Each structure stands twice: as C-alpha cells, then as structure tokens.
N, C-alpha and C. Protein backbone atom coordinates (compact mmCIF):
# COMPACT_ATOMS: atom_id res chain seq x y z
N UNK A 1 141.81 104.38 108.65
CA UNK A 1 142.95 104.11 108.47
C UNK A 1 144.14 105.29 108.80
N UNK A 2 145.23 105.05 108.91
CA UNK A 2 146.44 105.85 109.20
C UNK A 2 147.58 105.51 109.42
N UNK A 3 148.49 106.01 109.45
CA UNK A 3 150.16 105.84 108.86
C UNK A 3 150.69 105.26 110.54
N UNK A 4 151.39 104.04 110.29
CA UNK A 4 152.06 103.66 110.92
C UNK A 4 153.21 104.57 111.34
N UNK A 5 154.20 104.03 112.39
CA UNK A 5 155.43 105.18 112.68
C UNK A 5 156.18 104.55 111.37
N UNK A 6 156.53 103.62 110.64
CA UNK A 6 157.59 104.07 109.62
C UNK A 6 156.66 104.45 108.49
N UNK A 7 155.65 104.51 108.43
CA UNK A 7 154.72 105.64 107.33
C UNK A 7 155.03 106.85 107.22
N UNK A 8 155.15 107.12 108.68
CA UNK A 8 155.16 108.67 109.14
C UNK A 8 156.40 108.80 108.88
N UNK A 9 157.73 108.35 109.18
CA UNK A 9 158.69 108.25 108.94
C UNK A 9 159.45 108.51 107.59
N UNK A 10 158.62 107.53 106.91
CA UNK A 10 158.91 107.65 105.10
C UNK A 10 158.53 109.30 104.83
N UNK A 11 157.29 109.60 105.24
CA UNK A 11 156.62 110.79 104.90
C UNK A 11 157.43 111.95 105.48
N UNK A 12 158.21 112.01 106.31
CA UNK A 12 159.06 113.02 106.86
C UNK A 12 160.40 113.01 105.80
N UNK A 13 160.68 111.97 105.19
CA UNK A 13 162.03 111.67 104.83
C UNK A 13 161.67 112.35 103.24
N UNK A 14 160.58 112.56 102.68
CA UNK A 14 160.04 113.13 101.90
C UNK A 14 160.43 114.76 101.78
N UNK A 15 160.62 115.40 102.84
CA UNK A 15 160.94 116.65 103.22
C UNK A 15 162.52 117.16 103.17
N UNK A 16 163.18 115.90 103.14
CA UNK A 16 164.63 116.19 102.91
C UNK A 16 164.93 116.83 101.36
N UNK A 17 166.30 117.49 101.29
CA UNK A 17 166.16 118.14 100.03
C UNK A 17 167.95 117.81 99.81
N UNK A 18 168.32 117.30 98.66
CA UNK A 18 169.70 116.98 98.14
C UNK A 18 170.74 118.19 98.93
N UNK A 19 171.71 117.96 100.03
CA UNK A 19 172.76 118.54 100.51
C UNK A 19 172.66 119.21 101.68
N UNK A 20 171.44 118.76 102.20
CA UNK A 20 171.34 119.38 103.49
C UNK A 20 171.80 118.91 104.65
N UNK A 21 171.90 119.27 105.66
CA UNK A 21 172.55 118.89 107.14
C UNK A 21 171.35 118.44 107.94
N UNK A 22 170.97 117.69 108.13
CA UNK A 22 169.54 117.52 109.15
C UNK A 22 170.06 116.76 110.49
N UNK A 23 169.22 117.26 111.58
CA UNK A 23 169.17 116.47 112.82
C UNK A 23 167.81 115.98 112.96
N UNK A 24 168.60 114.35 113.34
CA UNK A 24 166.74 113.58 113.72
C UNK A 24 166.91 113.51 115.58
N UNK A 25 165.42 113.89 115.85
CA UNK A 25 165.41 113.78 117.28
C UNK A 25 165.04 112.31 117.56
N UNK A 26 165.04 111.81 118.88
CA UNK A 26 164.73 110.77 119.47
C UNK A 26 163.52 110.37 119.08
N UNK A 27 162.87 109.06 118.91
CA UNK A 27 161.58 108.14 118.49
C UNK A 27 161.58 108.19 117.27
N UNK A 28 160.44 108.75 116.76
CA UNK A 28 160.23 108.21 115.26
C UNK A 28 160.98 108.77 114.37
N UNK A 29 161.58 110.01 114.51
CA UNK A 29 162.19 110.92 113.77
C UNK A 29 163.73 109.86 113.57
N UNK A 30 164.09 109.05 114.14
CA UNK A 30 165.17 108.32 114.18
C UNK A 30 164.76 107.45 112.82
N UNK A 31 163.78 106.91 112.63
CA UNK A 31 163.64 106.08 111.62
C UNK A 31 163.37 106.67 110.21
N UNK A 32 163.85 108.11 110.15
CA UNK A 32 163.91 108.97 108.88
C UNK A 32 165.07 108.30 107.89
N UNK A 33 166.29 107.95 108.72
CA UNK A 33 167.50 107.57 108.48
C UNK A 33 167.31 106.56 107.27
N UNK A 34 166.14 105.72 107.38
CA UNK A 34 165.84 104.15 106.71
C UNK A 34 165.37 104.66 105.39
N UNK A 35 164.44 105.65 105.41
CA UNK A 35 163.71 106.40 104.26
C UNK A 35 164.12 107.34 103.53
N UNK A 36 165.43 107.81 103.39
CA UNK A 36 166.22 108.88 102.44
C UNK A 36 165.64 108.12 101.17
N UNK A 37 164.96 109.38 100.42
CA UNK A 37 164.96 108.75 98.92
C UNK A 37 165.86 108.86 97.93
N UNK A 38 166.00 107.98 97.09
CA UNK A 38 166.73 107.67 96.11
C UNK A 38 167.31 109.13 95.39
N UNK A 39 168.72 109.11 95.35
CA UNK A 39 168.95 110.44 94.45
C UNK A 39 168.98 111.66 95.20
N UNK A 40 168.68 111.90 96.54
CA UNK A 40 169.21 112.48 97.91
C UNK A 40 169.91 112.25 98.55
N UNK A 41 171.29 113.55 98.75
CA UNK A 41 171.90 113.09 99.48
C UNK A 41 172.19 113.81 100.85
N UNK A 42 172.09 113.29 101.91
CA UNK A 42 172.10 114.21 102.88
C UNK A 42 173.02 113.83 103.89
N UNK A 43 173.35 114.75 105.07
CA UNK A 43 174.18 114.34 106.03
C UNK A 43 173.39 114.28 107.21
N UNK A 44 173.36 113.43 107.92
CA UNK A 44 172.52 113.55 109.40
C UNK A 44 173.67 113.47 110.49
N UNK A 45 173.27 114.59 111.43
CA UNK A 45 173.95 115.15 112.63
C UNK A 45 173.55 114.47 113.71
N UNK A 46 174.13 114.39 114.69
CA UNK A 46 173.71 113.90 116.05
C UNK A 46 174.77 114.79 117.44
N UNK A 47 173.89 115.57 118.05
CA UNK A 47 174.51 116.25 118.80
C UNK A 47 175.45 115.51 119.90
N UNK A 48 175.52 114.30 119.79
CA UNK A 48 176.64 113.62 120.80
C UNK A 48 177.65 113.88 120.11
N UNK A 49 177.70 114.36 118.59
CA UNK A 49 178.99 114.29 117.72
C UNK A 49 179.39 113.75 116.90
N UNK A 50 178.62 113.30 115.94
CA UNK A 50 178.65 112.44 114.67
C UNK A 50 177.92 113.02 113.57
N UNK A 51 178.87 113.11 112.55
CA UNK A 51 178.19 113.91 111.29
C UNK A 51 178.34 112.69 110.40
N UNK A 52 177.06 112.35 109.75
CA UNK A 52 177.26 111.32 108.52
C UNK A 52 176.57 110.15 109.41
N UNK A 53 175.47 109.96 109.77
CA UNK A 53 174.83 108.96 110.51
C UNK A 53 174.17 108.06 109.48
N UNK A 54 174.58 106.54 109.20
CA UNK A 54 173.73 105.61 108.34
C UNK A 54 172.79 105.13 108.37
N UNK A 55 172.14 104.24 108.20
CA UNK A 55 170.77 103.27 108.55
C UNK A 55 171.42 102.70 109.85
N UNK A 56 170.08 102.37 110.47
CA UNK A 56 170.14 101.36 111.43
C UNK A 56 170.90 99.97 111.16
N UNK A 57 171.67 99.55 112.15
CA UNK A 57 172.38 98.35 111.45
C UNK A 57 171.82 97.12 111.89
N UNK A 58 172.18 96.29 110.75
CA UNK A 58 171.59 94.92 111.27
C UNK A 58 172.47 94.04 112.12
N UNK A 59 171.95 92.87 112.86
CA UNK A 59 172.28 92.05 113.85
C UNK A 59 173.94 92.18 113.40
N UNK A 60 174.35 91.63 112.37
CA UNK A 60 175.90 91.66 111.95
C UNK A 60 176.43 92.65 112.07
N UNK A 61 176.18 93.91 111.91
CA UNK A 61 176.67 95.20 111.82
C UNK A 61 176.81 96.03 112.92
N UNK A 62 176.15 95.83 113.86
CA UNK A 62 175.61 96.40 115.49
C UNK A 62 177.56 96.50 115.96
N UNK A 63 177.74 97.96 116.45
CA UNK A 63 179.07 98.30 117.14
C UNK A 63 178.54 99.40 118.30
N UNK A 64 178.57 98.89 119.10
CA UNK A 64 178.06 99.31 120.55
C UNK A 64 178.84 100.77 120.67
N UNK A 65 179.86 101.09 120.11
CA UNK A 65 180.71 102.31 120.41
C UNK A 65 179.82 103.44 119.12
N UNK A 66 178.96 103.15 117.90
CA UNK A 66 178.14 103.82 117.56
C UNK A 66 177.15 104.20 117.71
N UNK A 67 176.72 105.10 118.27
CA UNK A 67 175.26 105.45 119.03
C UNK A 67 174.86 106.98 118.43
N UNK A 68 173.71 107.44 118.33
CA UNK A 68 173.11 108.46 118.06
C UNK A 68 172.58 109.03 119.82
N UNK A 69 172.03 110.06 119.50
CA UNK A 69 171.63 111.04 120.69
C UNK A 69 170.69 110.20 121.59
N UNK A 70 169.93 109.39 121.08
CA UNK A 70 168.93 108.56 121.67
C UNK A 70 169.61 107.22 121.95
N UNK A 71 170.86 106.96 122.02
CA UNK A 71 171.60 105.98 122.52
C UNK A 71 171.23 104.94 121.57
N UNK A 72 171.01 104.99 120.58
CA UNK A 72 170.67 103.80 119.60
C UNK A 72 171.86 103.57 118.86
N UNK A 73 172.13 102.23 118.47
CA UNK A 73 173.07 101.91 117.58
C UNK A 73 173.09 102.44 116.09
N UNK A 74 173.93 102.72 115.63
CA UNK A 74 173.61 103.40 114.20
C UNK A 74 174.82 102.69 113.38
N UNK A 75 174.93 102.97 112.39
CA UNK A 75 176.37 102.86 111.32
C UNK A 75 176.59 104.11 110.88
N UNK A 76 178.01 104.04 110.51
CA UNK A 76 178.88 104.92 109.92
C UNK A 76 178.92 105.03 108.41
N UNK A 77 179.21 105.88 107.54
CA UNK A 77 179.51 106.01 106.33
C UNK A 77 181.13 106.25 106.03
N UNK A 78 181.21 106.28 104.76
CA UNK A 78 182.58 106.78 104.25
C UNK A 78 183.03 107.72 104.49
N UNK A 79 182.05 108.89 104.58
CA UNK A 79 182.73 110.16 105.21
C UNK A 79 182.09 110.91 106.74
N UNK A 80 181.65 109.81 107.41
CA UNK A 80 181.53 110.30 108.80
C UNK A 80 182.64 111.00 109.48
N UNK A 81 182.16 111.69 110.34
CA UNK A 81 183.01 112.52 111.14
C UNK A 81 182.69 112.55 112.41
N UNK A 82 184.03 112.30 113.60
CA UNK A 82 183.34 112.47 115.07
C UNK A 82 184.30 113.61 115.59
N UNK A 83 183.41 114.33 116.28
CA UNK A 83 183.88 115.21 117.35
C UNK A 83 183.48 115.51 118.47
N UNK A 84 183.80 116.44 119.09
CA UNK A 84 183.19 116.55 120.64
C UNK A 84 181.75 116.97 120.61
N UNK A 85 181.11 117.05 121.91
CA UNK A 85 179.65 117.48 121.98
C UNK A 85 179.69 119.28 121.75
N UNK A 86 180.59 119.54 122.34
CA UNK A 86 180.08 121.07 122.52
C UNK A 86 180.56 121.64 121.01
N UNK A 87 181.56 121.02 120.08
CA UNK A 87 181.53 121.35 118.65
C UNK A 87 180.31 120.88 117.69
N UNK A 88 179.67 120.17 118.35
CA UNK A 88 178.29 119.58 117.79
C UNK A 88 177.30 120.59 117.85
N UNK A 89 177.32 121.04 119.21
CA UNK A 89 176.30 122.36 119.77
C UNK A 89 176.71 123.43 119.05
N UNK A 90 178.05 123.71 118.67
CA UNK A 90 178.43 125.00 117.98
C UNK A 90 177.84 124.86 116.67
N UNK A 91 177.80 123.82 115.96
CA UNK A 91 177.37 123.69 114.30
C UNK A 91 175.73 124.06 114.75
N UNK A 92 174.85 123.35 115.67
CA UNK A 92 173.83 123.99 115.93
C UNK A 92 173.15 125.27 115.91
N UNK A 93 173.79 125.92 116.96
CA UNK A 93 173.85 127.29 117.46
C UNK A 93 174.23 128.10 116.50
N UNK A 94 175.38 127.84 115.66
CA UNK A 94 176.04 128.71 114.60
C UNK A 94 174.91 128.63 113.24
N UNK A 95 173.62 128.05 113.17
CA UNK A 95 173.32 127.84 112.34
C UNK A 95 173.59 126.89 110.96
N UNK A 96 174.28 126.06 111.14
CA UNK A 96 174.65 125.29 109.85
C UNK A 96 173.83 124.09 109.67
N UNK A 97 172.94 123.76 110.57
CA UNK A 97 172.07 122.59 110.50
C UNK A 97 170.72 123.02 109.85
N UNK A 98 170.36 122.73 108.53
CA UNK A 98 169.37 122.98 107.90
C UNK A 98 167.86 122.95 108.44
N UNK A 99 167.66 121.50 109.08
CA UNK A 99 166.55 121.14 109.35
C UNK A 99 166.58 120.13 110.54
N UNK A 100 165.49 120.17 111.41
CA UNK A 100 165.49 119.26 112.73
C UNK A 100 164.33 118.69 112.63
N UNK A 101 164.34 117.42 112.84
CA UNK A 101 163.07 116.57 112.15
C UNK A 101 162.90 116.05 113.94
N UNK A 102 162.04 116.59 114.58
CA UNK A 102 161.32 116.25 116.37
C UNK A 102 160.38 115.39 116.47
N UNK A 103 160.56 114.58 117.79
CA UNK A 103 159.45 114.27 118.39
C UNK A 103 158.73 115.33 118.99
N UNK A 104 157.19 114.90 119.56
CA UNK A 104 156.75 115.95 120.24
C UNK A 104 155.67 115.57 121.25
N UNK A 105 155.56 115.87 122.36
CA UNK A 105 154.44 115.56 123.37
C UNK A 105 153.12 116.21 122.95
N UNK A 106 153.43 117.83 122.57
CA UNK A 106 152.18 118.36 122.14
C UNK A 106 153.06 119.51 121.22
N UNK A 107 151.81 120.17 120.52
CA UNK A 107 152.42 121.31 119.56
C UNK A 107 150.91 121.89 119.70
N UNK A 108 151.36 123.46 119.61
CA UNK A 108 150.26 124.60 119.51
C UNK A 108 150.13 124.53 118.54
N UNK A 109 148.88 125.60 118.31
CA UNK A 109 148.34 125.89 117.03
C UNK A 109 149.32 127.37 116.57
N UNK A 110 150.44 127.63 117.44
CA UNK A 110 150.95 128.73 116.93
C UNK A 110 152.41 128.22 116.90
N UNK A 111 152.40 127.00 116.85
CA UNK A 111 154.01 126.65 116.62
C UNK A 111 154.73 126.27 118.02
N UNK A 112 154.04 126.43 118.83
CA UNK A 112 155.18 126.18 120.23
C UNK A 112 155.17 124.73 120.55
N UNK A 113 156.29 124.46 120.66
CA UNK A 113 156.63 122.93 121.04
C UNK A 113 156.80 122.52 122.42
N UNK A 114 156.55 121.28 122.91
CA UNK A 114 156.13 120.96 124.03
C UNK A 114 156.81 119.37 123.95
N UNK A 115 158.49 119.29 123.99
CA UNK A 115 158.99 117.76 123.77
C UNK A 115 159.93 117.70 124.69
N UNK A 116 160.23 118.20 125.98
CA UNK A 116 161.15 117.81 126.72
C UNK A 116 161.03 117.15 127.98
N UNK A 117 159.96 117.40 128.57
CA UNK A 117 159.32 116.87 130.15
C UNK A 117 157.98 116.66 130.47
N UNK A 118 157.64 115.95 131.43
CA UNK A 118 156.39 115.91 131.95
C UNK A 118 156.29 116.11 133.52
N UNK A 119 156.02 117.05 133.88
CA UNK A 119 156.27 117.27 135.24
C UNK A 119 155.63 116.18 136.09
N UNK A 120 156.86 116.10 137.43
CA UNK A 120 156.54 114.75 138.13
C UNK A 120 157.23 113.28 137.60
N UNK A 121 157.56 113.34 136.24
CA UNK A 121 158.37 112.26 135.95
C UNK A 121 159.13 112.38 135.39
N UNK A 122 160.24 111.11 135.35
CA UNK A 122 161.50 110.94 135.30
C UNK A 122 161.96 112.00 134.00
N UNK A 123 163.16 112.39 134.37
CA UNK A 123 163.77 113.20 133.12
C UNK A 123 165.07 112.95 133.23
N UNK A 124 165.77 112.66 131.91
CA UNK A 124 167.07 112.06 132.17
C UNK A 124 167.72 113.76 131.81
N UNK A 125 167.00 114.35 131.47
CA UNK A 125 168.01 115.86 130.95
C UNK A 125 167.09 116.70 129.90
N UNK A 126 167.16 117.67 129.12
CA UNK A 126 166.72 118.25 128.44
C UNK A 126 167.01 118.30 126.81
N UNK A 127 168.44 117.58 126.61
CA UNK A 127 168.78 116.99 125.60
C UNK A 127 169.28 118.13 124.61
N UNK A 128 169.26 118.24 123.49
CA UNK A 128 169.31 119.38 122.53
C UNK A 128 168.45 120.07 122.00
N UNK A 129 166.97 119.48 122.37
CA UNK A 129 165.94 120.10 121.54
C UNK A 129 166.16 121.94 121.89
N UNK A 130 166.02 122.17 122.89
CA UNK A 130 166.06 123.74 122.92
C UNK A 130 167.10 124.17 121.85
N UNK A 131 168.27 123.91 122.03
CA UNK A 131 169.47 124.54 121.07
C UNK A 131 168.46 124.10 119.66
N UNK A 132 168.53 123.19 119.24
CA UNK A 132 167.86 122.79 117.92
C UNK A 132 166.88 123.89 117.40
N UNK A 133 165.68 124.25 118.21
CA UNK A 133 164.41 124.76 117.56
C UNK A 133 164.87 126.49 117.33
N UNK A 134 166.09 126.67 118.20
CA UNK A 134 166.47 128.23 118.15
C UNK A 134 167.51 128.66 117.19
N UNK A 135 168.22 127.09 116.71
CA UNK A 135 169.72 127.19 115.71
C UNK A 135 169.13 126.79 114.39
N UNK A 136 168.26 125.82 114.07
CA UNK A 136 168.10 125.59 112.79
C UNK A 136 167.31 126.34 111.86
N UNK A 137 167.47 126.11 110.47
CA UNK A 137 166.33 126.94 109.72
C UNK A 137 164.85 126.44 109.74
N UNK A 138 164.64 124.94 109.77
CA UNK A 138 163.50 124.55 109.78
C UNK A 138 163.00 123.60 110.61
N UNK A 139 162.06 123.46 111.20
CA UNK A 139 161.59 122.67 112.21
C UNK A 139 160.50 121.78 111.79
N UNK A 140 160.63 120.34 111.91
CA UNK A 140 159.41 119.38 111.54
C UNK A 140 159.23 118.26 112.89
N UNK A 141 158.15 118.15 113.23
CA UNK A 141 157.52 117.60 114.39
C UNK A 141 156.74 116.32 113.51
N UNK A 142 157.40 115.22 114.10
CA UNK A 142 156.67 113.81 113.84
C UNK A 142 156.37 113.10 114.94
N UNK A 143 154.81 113.25 115.08
CA UNK A 143 154.40 112.42 116.10
C UNK A 143 152.90 111.67 116.01
N UNK A 144 152.54 111.19 116.99
CA UNK A 144 151.15 110.66 116.81
C UNK A 144 150.08 111.72 117.18
N UNK A 145 148.88 111.66 116.46
CA UNK A 145 147.95 113.02 116.42
C UNK A 145 147.65 112.74 117.65
N UNK A 146 147.27 111.75 118.59
CA UNK A 146 146.69 111.59 119.95
C UNK A 146 147.64 110.95 120.99
N UNK A 147 147.15 111.36 122.26
CA UNK A 147 147.85 110.52 123.31
C UNK A 147 147.16 109.49 123.92
N UNK A 148 147.77 108.36 124.62
CA UNK A 148 147.32 107.53 124.84
C UNK A 148 145.71 107.09 125.56
N UNK A 149 145.40 108.19 125.96
CA UNK A 149 144.10 108.62 126.47
C UNK A 149 143.06 109.09 125.48
N UNK A 150 143.44 109.10 124.11
CA UNK A 150 142.95 109.58 122.76
C UNK A 150 142.49 111.03 122.68
N UNK A 151 143.31 111.99 123.77
CA UNK A 151 143.28 113.18 123.69
C UNK A 151 144.27 114.19 122.46
N UNK A 152 143.80 115.03 122.03
CA UNK A 152 144.61 115.44 120.82
C UNK A 152 145.98 116.12 121.43
N UNK A 153 146.85 115.74 120.53
CA UNK A 153 148.21 116.39 120.92
C UNK A 153 148.75 117.81 120.00
N UNK A 154 147.36 118.03 119.33
CA UNK A 154 147.65 119.32 118.41
C UNK A 154 146.32 120.31 119.35
N UNK A 155 147.30 121.19 120.11
CA UNK A 155 146.26 121.91 120.92
C UNK A 155 146.48 123.81 120.68
N UNK A 156 145.53 124.31 121.11
CA UNK A 156 145.30 125.69 120.82
C UNK A 156 146.42 126.31 121.72
N UNK A 157 146.47 125.47 123.13
CA UNK A 157 147.94 126.33 124.00
C UNK A 157 148.80 124.66 124.33
N UNK A 158 149.88 124.69 124.49
CA UNK A 158 150.46 123.40 125.18
C UNK A 158 150.10 123.62 126.69
N UNK A 159 150.18 122.20 127.19
CA UNK A 159 150.07 122.20 128.90
C UNK A 159 151.23 121.80 129.47
N UNK A 160 152.08 121.51 128.52
CA UNK A 160 153.27 121.29 129.43
C UNK A 160 154.52 122.16 129.23
N UNK A 161 155.70 122.22 129.80
CA UNK A 161 156.49 123.02 129.63
C UNK A 161 157.33 123.05 128.31
N UNK A 162 157.44 124.11 127.58
CA UNK A 162 157.62 124.56 126.39
C UNK A 162 159.29 124.28 126.09
N UNK A 163 159.59 123.75 125.00
CA UNK A 163 160.73 123.85 124.43
C UNK A 163 160.98 124.60 123.48
N UNK A 164 160.20 125.41 123.09
CA UNK A 164 160.32 126.77 122.27
C UNK A 164 159.38 127.30 121.84
N UNK A 165 158.92 128.48 121.70
CA UNK A 165 157.62 129.47 121.24
C UNK A 165 157.70 129.74 119.60
N UNK A 166 156.70 129.02 119.12
CA UNK A 166 156.70 129.77 117.63
C UNK A 166 157.64 128.77 116.76
N UNK A 167 158.09 128.04 117.13
CA UNK A 167 159.31 127.49 116.38
C UNK A 167 158.88 126.05 115.23
N UNK A 168 157.90 125.76 115.35
CA UNK A 168 157.63 124.57 114.59
C UNK A 168 157.19 125.09 112.95
N UNK A 169 157.50 124.81 111.54
CA UNK A 169 156.94 124.62 110.59
C UNK A 169 155.79 123.81 110.29
N UNK A 170 156.26 122.44 110.24
CA UNK A 170 155.42 121.49 109.78
C UNK A 170 155.12 120.60 110.83
N UNK A 171 154.07 119.74 110.88
CA UNK A 171 153.60 118.79 112.01
C UNK A 171 153.27 117.39 111.05
N UNK A 172 153.73 116.17 111.08
CA UNK A 172 153.71 115.09 110.46
C UNK A 172 153.24 114.42 111.77
N UNK A 173 151.92 113.66 111.57
CA UNK A 173 151.08 113.06 112.46
C UNK A 173 150.50 111.53 111.80
N UNK A 174 150.17 110.53 112.47
CA UNK A 174 149.60 109.38 111.83
C UNK A 174 148.31 109.77 110.88
N UNK A 175 147.74 110.89 110.93
CA UNK A 175 146.65 111.27 110.48
C UNK A 175 146.81 112.31 109.06
N UNK A 176 147.92 113.15 109.18
CA UNK A 176 148.25 113.78 107.96
C UNK A 176 149.65 114.82 108.31
N UNK A 177 149.50 115.88 107.46
CA UNK A 177 150.34 116.93 107.28
C UNK A 177 150.09 118.17 107.26
N UNK A 178 150.39 118.88 108.46
CA UNK A 178 150.13 120.48 108.94
C UNK A 178 150.96 121.41 108.83
N UNK A 179 150.82 122.65 108.21
CA UNK A 179 151.53 123.89 108.33
C UNK A 179 151.03 124.34 109.31
N UNK A 180 152.05 125.45 110.15
CA UNK A 180 151.68 126.21 111.16
C UNK A 180 151.67 127.48 110.35
N UNK A 181 150.47 128.15 110.21
CA UNK A 181 150.39 129.16 109.42
C UNK A 181 149.11 130.47 110.53
N UNK A 182 149.31 131.75 109.79
CA UNK A 182 148.47 132.42 110.48
C UNK A 182 147.40 132.04 110.68
N UNK A 183 146.69 132.02 112.17
CA UNK A 183 145.44 131.81 112.61
C UNK A 183 144.99 130.25 112.92
N UNK A 184 146.28 129.35 112.56
CA UNK A 184 146.15 127.94 113.18
C UNK A 184 147.02 127.09 112.21
N UNK A 185 146.34 125.68 111.99
CA UNK A 185 147.09 124.82 111.19
C UNK A 185 146.43 124.58 109.90
N UNK A 186 147.54 124.90 108.74
CA UNK A 186 146.75 124.12 107.47
C UNK A 186 147.00 123.01 107.21
N UNK A 187 146.09 122.04 106.94
CA UNK A 187 145.87 120.63 106.36
C UNK A 187 146.66 120.71 105.13
N UNK A 188 147.89 120.09 104.94
CA UNK A 188 148.51 119.89 103.57
C UNK A 188 148.31 118.56 103.05
N UNK A 189 147.67 117.51 103.74
CA UNK A 189 147.59 116.17 103.51
C UNK A 189 147.39 115.21 104.36
N UNK A 190 146.23 114.44 103.94
CA UNK A 190 145.70 113.75 104.72
C UNK A 190 146.22 112.11 104.70
N UNK A 191 146.31 111.24 105.84
CA UNK A 191 146.75 109.89 105.68
C UNK A 191 145.85 109.02 104.84
N UNK A 192 146.27 108.13 104.04
CA UNK A 192 145.08 107.45 103.49
C UNK A 192 143.79 106.85 104.48
N UNK A 193 142.72 107.30 103.76
CA UNK A 193 141.71 106.65 104.56
C UNK A 193 140.70 107.53 105.48
N UNK A 194 141.94 108.76 105.80
CA UNK A 194 141.58 109.59 107.00
C UNK A 194 140.72 110.89 106.60
N UNK A 195 139.50 110.92 106.73
CA UNK A 195 138.55 112.18 106.56
C UNK A 195 138.65 113.35 107.19
N UNK A 196 138.28 114.48 106.48
CA UNK A 196 138.19 115.79 107.29
C UNK A 196 137.54 115.63 108.46
N UNK A 197 136.38 114.93 108.87
CA UNK A 197 135.31 115.01 109.56
C UNK A 197 135.95 114.32 110.97
N UNK A 198 136.82 112.90 110.60
CA UNK A 198 137.84 112.23 111.41
C UNK A 198 138.65 113.21 112.21
N UNK A 199 138.98 114.20 111.50
CA UNK A 199 140.56 115.16 111.64
C UNK A 199 139.74 115.71 112.63
N UNK A 200 138.66 116.27 112.19
CA UNK A 200 138.68 117.68 113.75
C UNK A 200 138.11 116.69 114.54
N UNK A 201 137.44 116.07 114.68
CA UNK A 201 136.83 115.64 115.68
C UNK A 201 137.88 115.43 116.89
N UNK A 202 139.60 114.93 116.37
CA UNK A 202 140.63 114.55 116.81
C UNK A 202 141.56 115.37 117.02
N UNK A 203 141.03 116.65 116.44
CA UNK A 203 142.06 117.72 116.56
C UNK A 203 141.46 118.95 117.43
N UNK A 204 141.90 119.47 118.75
CA UNK A 204 141.79 120.58 119.28
C UNK A 204 142.34 122.23 118.90
N UNK A 205 143.37 122.17 118.40
CA UNK A 205 143.99 122.92 117.34
C UNK A 205 143.00 123.36 116.29
N UNK A 206 143.19 124.62 116.26
CA UNK A 206 142.26 125.36 114.81
C UNK A 206 142.95 125.16 113.71
N UNK A 207 141.74 124.39 112.70
CA UNK A 207 142.51 124.18 110.96
C UNK A 207 142.17 125.08 110.33
N UNK A 208 142.50 125.79 109.57
CA UNK A 208 142.62 126.79 108.76
C UNK A 208 142.62 126.17 107.31
N UNK A 209 141.49 126.99 106.51
CA UNK A 209 141.79 126.46 104.79
C UNK A 209 143.20 127.21 104.04
C-alpha cells in the first residue's frame, strides 16, 4: 500500500500552521488547498498575483479569470487580494512567505532540488520555484517516490538541473515522510502498509536513524 495523490496532499496539509502565508506549487501541491485542517487559518499565495486562494471550484463556481500559477481555475475568499506579479515576487523575495509546498522531479539526500526542467524536453519557463526556495522560510516537497520507470527520485545526487542547493527541509512521497538531516534523510513516517525493507529497496538516498 502507498498514499495516493490526495492522501499525500492531505498529509502535506498537516504541515500548515495557523496564520501562515503559504505558496503551493504546480501538481500535487495544489491539492493541499482542499485539505486545510479545521481550525487552521492560512493564506495561500500564488506568484501570478493572488493572495487568498480558496479550494478548487465546482462546475458551477468556475471563473476562467481566477487561476493559480499552474493555470488551474481556483476560487476566491472574502479577503482575497490581487496585485501584479512583481509585487507577488517582492513578497517572496522579501521573506514574507513562511512556507512553499512544491513538486519535484528529483531531491538529493542533501536537500538539493531539481524541479524546473528536463533537458531536451519542452520547458515553458522556470516559474517561481528558484525565487521561492531562496526566499521562503521552509520548503516541503510533495512527489512520487519513484519515476515512471520505477527508479528512485530520492537520490544521492540530483542528475537534472538544480532549482536550488540544500533548500529542502521535508519530503512527502507516496511511501512516507522524510526530513533532510546531517548525513541523509531521516524517516519521519511511513505510509500505511509500507515497510522499511520496501522503502530501502526503492530509495537511492542514504536513510539515517
């Protein structure tokens, strides 16, 4: 057994703390907006100029003018504010955003992050990830543990172009939760039904106690 995308997003939502300003990256992280815990009030920020993102809309709520950085339609809140992309990046670069929850192609045991391009494949742009990992206080990555070939995405060294070096604090995959610590990755939690033996076989990065 392993967590599915929604269970991974729900687990990532447990990292949110009341009063936080948080940026959600493209992919699984966008689902976090649907799982904010009861009693926790967070403000979600999007680098395209929106502060206060609500859950994904139902069919009757879709407004094509309300989109996140991944071009997905979203809903607004009573307190939602809109502004230019330059102001949005000013918040990020100025250290005003407490946490970024991002997707990734690879993460190394040292916390290096590769999530913006695969050489020789179409790249629409680097997005805001490089600014986010340099400007926020905490970076959490949510991704599948292995790629489509079954190869580990938790590596000793990243093979793809880096978004940032030593920037990742915690990783949530379909197999468990890991913290970047001295000497490798510490297993914080295993997904239901996953054993340490299975985890070790599917992880290239060094796992430490």
